Amino acid sequence: MSVLREQLVRKALAALSEIADECGVEPARKSLTLRFLLMFTFVEGGADPKQKWIWDSFWEAATRSKSKAPQDEYIRGRDARSALDSICRESGYQPDVDFLSHLRKQREKL
């Protein structure tokens, strides 16, 4: 993978990380930007149709409407972060503490 391509993947993962962190409080908007980030990371992750459910899970979790169910915010955020961990793995990055910290630092630069 070229250096530029790797930087783009990491920036896309950083943007998804930000969405995953924020969607607990307020569901993410169903936007073209979110669709692009998911599509881009899916393609960079190998575009295996058998693994597409991971990206679908992120979309469903992050954009899930608010409800009055107990712990709704916690569950939405947890599910989005869980899907993000899988997206990172499929994209070739181990979602350990160091890498997730790196993504947070990347977000500050965006």
N, C-alpha and C. Protein backbone atom coordinates (compact mmCIF):
# COMPACT_ATOMS: atom_id res chain seq x y z
N MET A 1 0.85 -1.17 0.00
CA MET A 1 0.00 0.00 0.00
C MET A 1 0.90 1.24 0.00
N SER A 2 0.59 2.19 -0.85
CA SER A 2 1.39 3.41 -0.91
C SER A 2 1.16 4.25 0.35
N VAL A 3 2.09 5.13 0.61
CA VAL A 3 2.02 5.98 1.79
C VAL A 3 0.76 6.86 1.74
N LEU A 4 0.49 7.45 0.58
CA LEU A 4 -0.70 8.30 0.43
C LEU A 4 -1.97 7.50 0.67
N ARG A 5 -2.02 6.33 0.09
CA ARG A 5 -3.21 5.49 0.25
C ARG A 5 -3.41 5.10 1.71
N GLU A 6 -2.32 4.76 2.38
CA GLU A 6 -2.39 4.40 3.80
C GLU A 6 -2.88 5.59 4.63
N GLN A 7 -2.41 6.80 4.30
CA GLN A 7 -2.86 8.00 5.01
C GLN A 7 -4.36 8.22 4.81
N LEU A 8 -4.84 8.00 3.58
CA LEU A 8 -6.27 8.17 3.30
C LEU A 8 -7.11 7.17 4.08
N VAL A 9 -6.65 5.93 4.14
CA VAL A 9 -7.38 4.91 4.90
C VAL A 9 -7.44 5.30 6.37
N ARG A 10 -6.31 5.73 6.91
CA ARG A 10 -6.28 6.12 8.33
C ARG A 10 -7.16 7.33 8.59
N LYS A 11 -7.20 8.27 7.67
CA LYS A 11 -8.07 9.44 7.85
C LYS A 11 -9.55 9.03 7.79
N ALA A 12 -9.88 8.10 6.90
CA ALA A 12 -11.25 7.60 6.82
C ALA A 12 -11.63 6.87 8.11
N LEU A 13 -10.71 6.07 8.63
CA LEU A 13 -10.96 5.37 9.89
C LEU A 13 -11.09 6.36 11.04
N ALA A 14 -10.30 7.42 11.01
CA ALA A 14 -10.39 8.45 12.05
C ALA A 14 -11.76 9.14 12.01
N ALA A 15 -12.26 9.40 10.81
CA ALA A 15 -13.59 10.02 10.67
C ALA A 15 -14.67 9.06 11.18
N LEU A 16 -14.56 7.78 10.86
CA LEU A 16 -15.51 6.80 11.36
C LEU A 16 -15.42 6.68 12.88
N SER A 17 -14.22 6.81 13.41
CA SER A 17 -14.02 6.77 14.86
C SER A 17 -14.75 7.93 15.53
N GLU A 18 -14.63 9.09 14.94
CA GLU A 18 -15.32 10.26 15.47
C GLU A 18 -16.84 10.05 15.44
N ILE A 19 -17.35 9.53 14.36
CA ILE A 19 -18.78 9.26 14.24
C ILE A 19 -19.21 8.26 15.30
N ALA A 20 -18.41 7.20 15.48
CA ALA A 20 -18.75 6.17 16.48
C ALA A 20 -18.76 6.75 17.89
N ASP A 21 -17.85 7.66 18.18
CA ASP A 21 -17.80 8.27 19.51
C ASP A 21 -18.97 9.22 19.74
N GLU A 22 -19.41 9.89 18.70
CA GLU A 22 -20.46 10.91 18.85
C GLU A 22 -21.88 10.37 18.69
N CYS A 23 -22.04 9.23 18.04
CA CYS A 23 -23.39 8.76 17.74
C CYS A 23 -24.13 8.27 18.98
N GLY A 24 -23.43 8.05 20.08
CA GLY A 24 -24.12 7.67 21.30
C GLY A 24 -25.01 8.78 21.81
N VAL A 25 -24.53 10.00 21.71
CA VAL A 25 -25.30 11.15 22.18
C VAL A 25 -26.39 11.52 21.17
N GLU A 26 -25.99 11.60 19.93
CA GLU A 26 -26.91 11.98 18.84
C GLU A 26 -26.65 11.06 17.65
N PRO A 27 -27.69 10.39 17.13
CA PRO A 27 -27.46 9.50 15.98
C PRO A 27 -26.79 10.24 14.82
N ALA A 28 -25.93 9.54 14.10
CA ALA A 28 -25.27 10.13 12.93
C ALA A 28 -26.30 10.38 11.83
N ARG A 29 -26.06 11.43 11.08
CA ARG A 29 -26.93 11.72 9.92
C ARG A 29 -26.67 10.70 8.84
N LYS A 30 -27.70 10.30 8.15
CA LYS A 30 -27.56 9.40 6.99
C LYS A 30 -27.13 10.27 5.82
N SER A 31 -25.83 10.46 5.72
CA SER A 31 -25.29 11.41 4.75
C SER A 31 -24.45 10.71 3.68
N LEU A 32 -24.22 11.44 2.61
CA LEU A 32 -23.36 10.95 1.54
C LEU A 32 -21.93 10.78 2.05
N THR A 33 -21.52 11.64 2.95
CA THR A 33 -20.17 11.54 3.52
C THR A 33 -19.99 10.22 4.26
N LEU A 34 -20.96 9.87 5.11
CA LEU A 34 -20.88 8.61 5.84
C LEU A 34 -20.91 7.43 4.87
N ARG A 35 -21.76 7.49 3.87
CA ARG A 35 -21.80 6.41 2.87
C ARG A 35 -20.44 6.27 2.17
N PHE A 36 -19.83 7.41 1.82
CA PHE A 36 -18.54 7.37 1.14
C PHE A 36 -17.47 6.75 2.04
N LEU A 37 -17.41 7.18 3.29
CA LEU A 37 -16.42 6.63 4.22
C LEU A 37 -16.56 5.12 4.35
N LEU A 38 -17.78 4.65 4.46
CA LEU A 38 -18.01 3.21 4.58
C LEU A 38 -17.65 2.49 3.29
N MET A 39 -18.02 3.05 2.15
CA MET A 39 -17.69 2.43 0.87
C MET A 39 -16.19 2.39 0.66
N PHE A 40 -15.51 3.49 0.95
CA PHE A 40 -14.07 3.57 0.76
C PHE A 40 -13.35 2.54 1.63
N THR A 41 -13.71 2.46 2.91
CA THR A 41 -13.04 1.50 3.78
C THR A 41 -13.41 0.07 3.42
N PHE A 42 -14.61 -0.15 2.90
CA PHE A 42 -15.00 -1.49 2.45
C PHE A 42 -14.11 -1.93 1.29
N VAL A 43 -13.93 -1.04 0.31
CA VAL A 43 -13.08 -1.36 -0.83
C VAL A 43 -11.63 -1.57 -0.39
N GLU A 44 -11.13 -0.69 0.48
CA GLU A 44 -9.75 -0.83 0.97
C GLU A 44 -9.58 -2.07 1.84
N GLY A 45 -10.67 -2.54 2.43
CA GLY A 45 -10.63 -3.74 3.25
C GLY A 45 -10.75 -5.02 2.45
N GLY A 46 -10.80 -4.91 1.14
CA GLY A 46 -10.84 -6.09 0.29
C GLY A 46 -12.17 -6.33 -0.41
N ALA A 47 -13.21 -5.60 -0.03
CA ALA A 47 -14.53 -5.69 -0.66
C ALA A 47 -15.07 -7.11 -0.73
N ASP A 48 -14.85 -7.87 0.33
CA ASP A 48 -15.37 -9.24 0.40
C ASP A 48 -16.87 -9.18 0.71
N PRO A 49 -17.71 -9.63 -0.23
CA PRO A 49 -19.16 -9.56 -0.01
C PRO A 49 -19.60 -10.29 1.27
N LYS A 50 -18.85 -11.31 1.67
CA LYS A 50 -19.20 -12.04 2.89
C LYS A 50 -18.97 -11.21 4.15
N GLN A 51 -18.15 -10.17 4.05
CA GLN A 51 -17.86 -9.31 5.20
C GLN A 51 -18.62 -7.98 5.17
N LYS A 52 -19.43 -7.76 4.16
CA LYS A 52 -20.14 -6.48 4.01
C LYS A 52 -21.04 -6.19 5.21
N TRP A 53 -21.48 -7.23 5.89
CA TRP A 53 -22.36 -7.04 7.05
C TRP A 53 -21.70 -6.16 8.12
N ILE A 54 -20.38 -6.15 8.17
CA ILE A 54 -19.68 -5.32 9.16
C ILE A 54 -19.97 -3.84 8.91
N TRP A 55 -19.84 -3.42 7.67
CA TRP A 55 -20.09 -2.02 7.31
C TRP A 55 -21.58 -1.70 7.45
N ASP A 56 -22.43 -2.64 7.09
CA ASP A 56 -23.87 -2.45 7.29
C ASP A 56 -24.19 -2.28 8.78
N SER A 57 -23.49 -3.04 9.63
CA SER A 57 -23.71 -2.94 11.07
C SER A 57 -23.33 -1.55 11.59
N PHE A 58 -22.23 -1.01 11.06
CA PHE A 58 -21.82 0.34 11.48
C PHE A 58 -22.91 1.34 11.09
N TRP A 59 -23.37 1.26 9.85
CA TRP A 59 -24.41 2.17 9.36
C TRP A 59 -25.66 2.08 10.24
N GLU A 60 -26.11 0.87 10.47
CA GLU A 60 -27.34 0.67 11.25
C GLU A 60 -27.19 1.17 12.69
N ALA A 61 -26.05 0.87 13.30
CA ALA A 61 -25.84 1.29 14.68
C ALA A 61 -25.70 2.80 14.79
N ALA A 62 -24.85 3.39 13.97
CA ALA A 62 -24.56 4.82 14.08
C ALA A 62 -25.76 5.70 13.74
N THR A 63 -26.62 5.25 12.85
CA THR A 63 -27.75 6.07 12.42
C THR A 63 -29.07 5.67 13.08
N ARG A 64 -29.03 4.70 13.98
CA ARG A 64 -30.25 4.23 14.66
C ARG A 64 -30.91 5.39 15.39
N SER A 65 -32.20 5.54 15.16
CA SER A 65 -32.95 6.64 15.77
C SER A 65 -32.97 6.52 17.29
N LYS A 66 -33.11 7.66 17.92
CA LYS A 66 -33.23 7.67 19.38
C LYS A 66 -34.51 6.96 19.78
N SER A 67 -34.45 6.30 20.91
CA SER A 67 -35.66 5.70 21.47
C SER A 67 -35.65 5.95 22.97
N LYS A 68 -36.73 5.60 23.60
CA LYS A 68 -36.82 5.78 25.05
C LYS A 68 -36.37 4.53 25.78
N ALA A 69 -35.84 3.58 25.05
CA ALA A 69 -35.36 2.35 25.66
C ALA A 69 -34.21 2.66 26.62
N PRO A 70 -34.15 1.92 27.73
CA PRO A 70 -33.04 2.14 28.65
C PRO A 70 -31.69 1.93 27.95
N GLN A 71 -30.76 2.77 28.26
CA GLN A 71 -29.39 2.69 27.75
C GLN A 71 -29.30 2.79 26.23
N ASP A 72 -30.26 3.44 25.60
CA ASP A 72 -30.28 3.59 24.15
C ASP A 72 -28.98 4.20 23.63
N GLU A 73 -28.55 5.28 24.26
CA GLU A 73 -27.33 5.97 23.81
C GLU A 73 -26.11 5.06 23.95
N TYR A 74 -26.02 4.38 25.07
CA TYR A 74 -24.88 3.48 25.31
C TYR A 74 -24.84 2.37 24.26
N ILE A 75 -25.98 1.76 23.99
CA ILE A 75 -26.05 0.63 23.05
C ILE A 75 -25.70 1.08 21.63
N ARG A 76 -26.21 2.24 21.20
CA ARG A 76 -25.91 2.75 19.86
C ARG A 76 -24.41 3.00 19.71
N GLY A 77 -23.80 3.66 20.68
CA GLY A 77 -22.36 3.92 20.63
C GLY A 77 -21.54 2.65 20.70
N ARG A 78 -21.93 1.74 21.59
CA ARG A 78 -21.19 0.47 21.72
C ARG A 78 -21.22 -0.33 20.44
N ASP A 79 -22.39 -0.43 19.82
CA ASP A 79 -22.51 -1.19 18.58
C ASP A 79 -21.70 -0.57 17.45
N ALA A 80 -21.70 0.76 17.37
CA ALA A 80 -20.91 1.45 16.33
C ALA A 80 -19.42 1.23 16.55
N ARG A 81 -18.96 1.33 17.80
CA ARG A 81 -17.54 1.11 18.08
C ARG A 81 -17.13 -0.33 17.83
N SER A 82 -18.02 -1.26 18.12
CA SER A 82 -17.73 -2.67 17.85
C SER A 82 -17.57 -2.90 16.34
N ALA A 83 -18.47 -2.33 15.55
CA ALA A 83 -18.36 -2.45 14.09
C ALA A 83 -17.08 -1.76 13.60
N LEU A 84 -16.73 -0.62 14.19
CA LEU A 84 -15.50 0.09 13.81
C LEU A 84 -14.28 -0.79 14.06
N ASP A 85 -14.25 -1.49 15.18
CA ASP A 85 -13.12 -2.40 15.46
C ASP A 85 -12.97 -3.42 14.35
N SER A 86 -14.08 -3.98 13.90
CA SER A 86 -14.04 -4.97 12.82
C SER A 86 -13.62 -4.33 11.50
N ILE A 87 -14.07 -3.11 11.24
CA ILE A 87 -13.67 -2.40 10.02
C ILE A 87 -12.16 -2.16 10.04
N CYS A 88 -11.63 -1.78 11.19
CA CYS A 88 -10.18 -1.58 11.31
C CYS A 88 -9.44 -2.88 10.99
N ARG A 89 -9.88 -3.99 11.56
CA ARG A 89 -9.23 -5.28 11.30
C ARG A 89 -9.27 -5.62 9.81
N GLU A 90 -10.42 -5.45 9.19
CA GLU A 90 -10.57 -5.76 7.77
C GLU A 90 -9.72 -4.84 6.91
N SER A 91 -9.43 -3.64 7.41
CA SER A 91 -8.60 -2.68 6.67
C SER A 91 -7.11 -2.87 6.94
N GLY A 92 -6.79 -3.85 7.78
CA GLY A 92 -5.39 -4.18 8.03
C GLY A 92 -4.79 -3.56 9.27
N TYR A 93 -5.61 -3.04 10.16
CA TYR A 93 -5.12 -2.42 11.39
C TYR A 93 -5.73 -3.10 12.60
N GLN A 94 -4.90 -3.40 13.57
CA GLN A 94 -5.39 -4.00 14.81
C GLN A 94 -5.93 -2.88 15.69
N PRO A 95 -7.20 -2.94 16.10
CA PRO A 95 -7.80 -1.85 16.87
C PRO A 95 -7.41 -1.91 18.35
N ASP A 96 -6.12 -1.82 18.63
CA ASP A 96 -5.66 -1.82 20.02
C ASP A 96 -5.65 -0.39 20.54
N VAL A 97 -5.28 -0.23 21.79
CA VAL A 97 -5.30 1.08 22.43
C VAL A 97 -4.43 2.09 21.68
N ASP A 98 -3.26 1.66 21.25
CA ASP A 98 -2.35 2.57 20.55
C ASP A 98 -2.94 3.05 19.23
N PHE A 99 -3.54 2.14 18.46
CA PHE A 99 -4.09 2.53 17.17
C PHE A 99 -5.31 3.44 17.35
N LEU A 100 -6.18 3.12 18.30
CA LEU A 100 -7.35 3.96 18.53
C LEU A 100 -6.94 5.35 19.03
N SER A 101 -5.87 5.41 19.81
CA SER A 101 -5.33 6.69 20.24
C SER A 101 -4.80 7.47 19.03
N HIS A 102 -4.13 6.75 18.13
CA HIS A 102 -3.64 7.37 16.89
C HIS A 102 -4.81 7.96 16.09
N LEU A 103 -5.91 7.25 16.01
CA LEU A 103 -7.08 7.75 15.27
C LEU A 103 -7.61 9.03 15.91
N ARG A 104 -7.63 9.07 17.24
CA ARG A 104 -8.10 10.27 17.92
C ARG A 104 -7.19 11.46 17.62
N LYS A 105 -5.89 11.21 17.58
CA LYS A 105 -4.94 12.28 17.24
C LYS A 105 -5.14 12.73 15.80
N GLN A 106 -5.43 11.79 14.90
CA GLN A 106 -5.69 12.13 13.49
C GLN A 106 -6.92 13.03 13.38
N ARG A 107 -7.92 12.78 14.22
CA ARG A 107 -9.15 13.59 14.18
C ARG A 107 -8.86 15.04 14.51
N GLU A 108 -7.91 15.28 15.37
CA GLU A 108 -7.55 16.65 15.74
C GLU A 108 -6.97 17.40 14.55
N LYS A 109 -6.37 16.65 13.60
CA LYS A 109 -5.77 17.26 12.42
C LYS A 109 -6.78 17.47 11.31
N LEU A 110 -7.95 16.80 11.38
CA LEU A 110 -8.93 16.90 10.29
C LEU A 110 -9.61 18.24 10.25
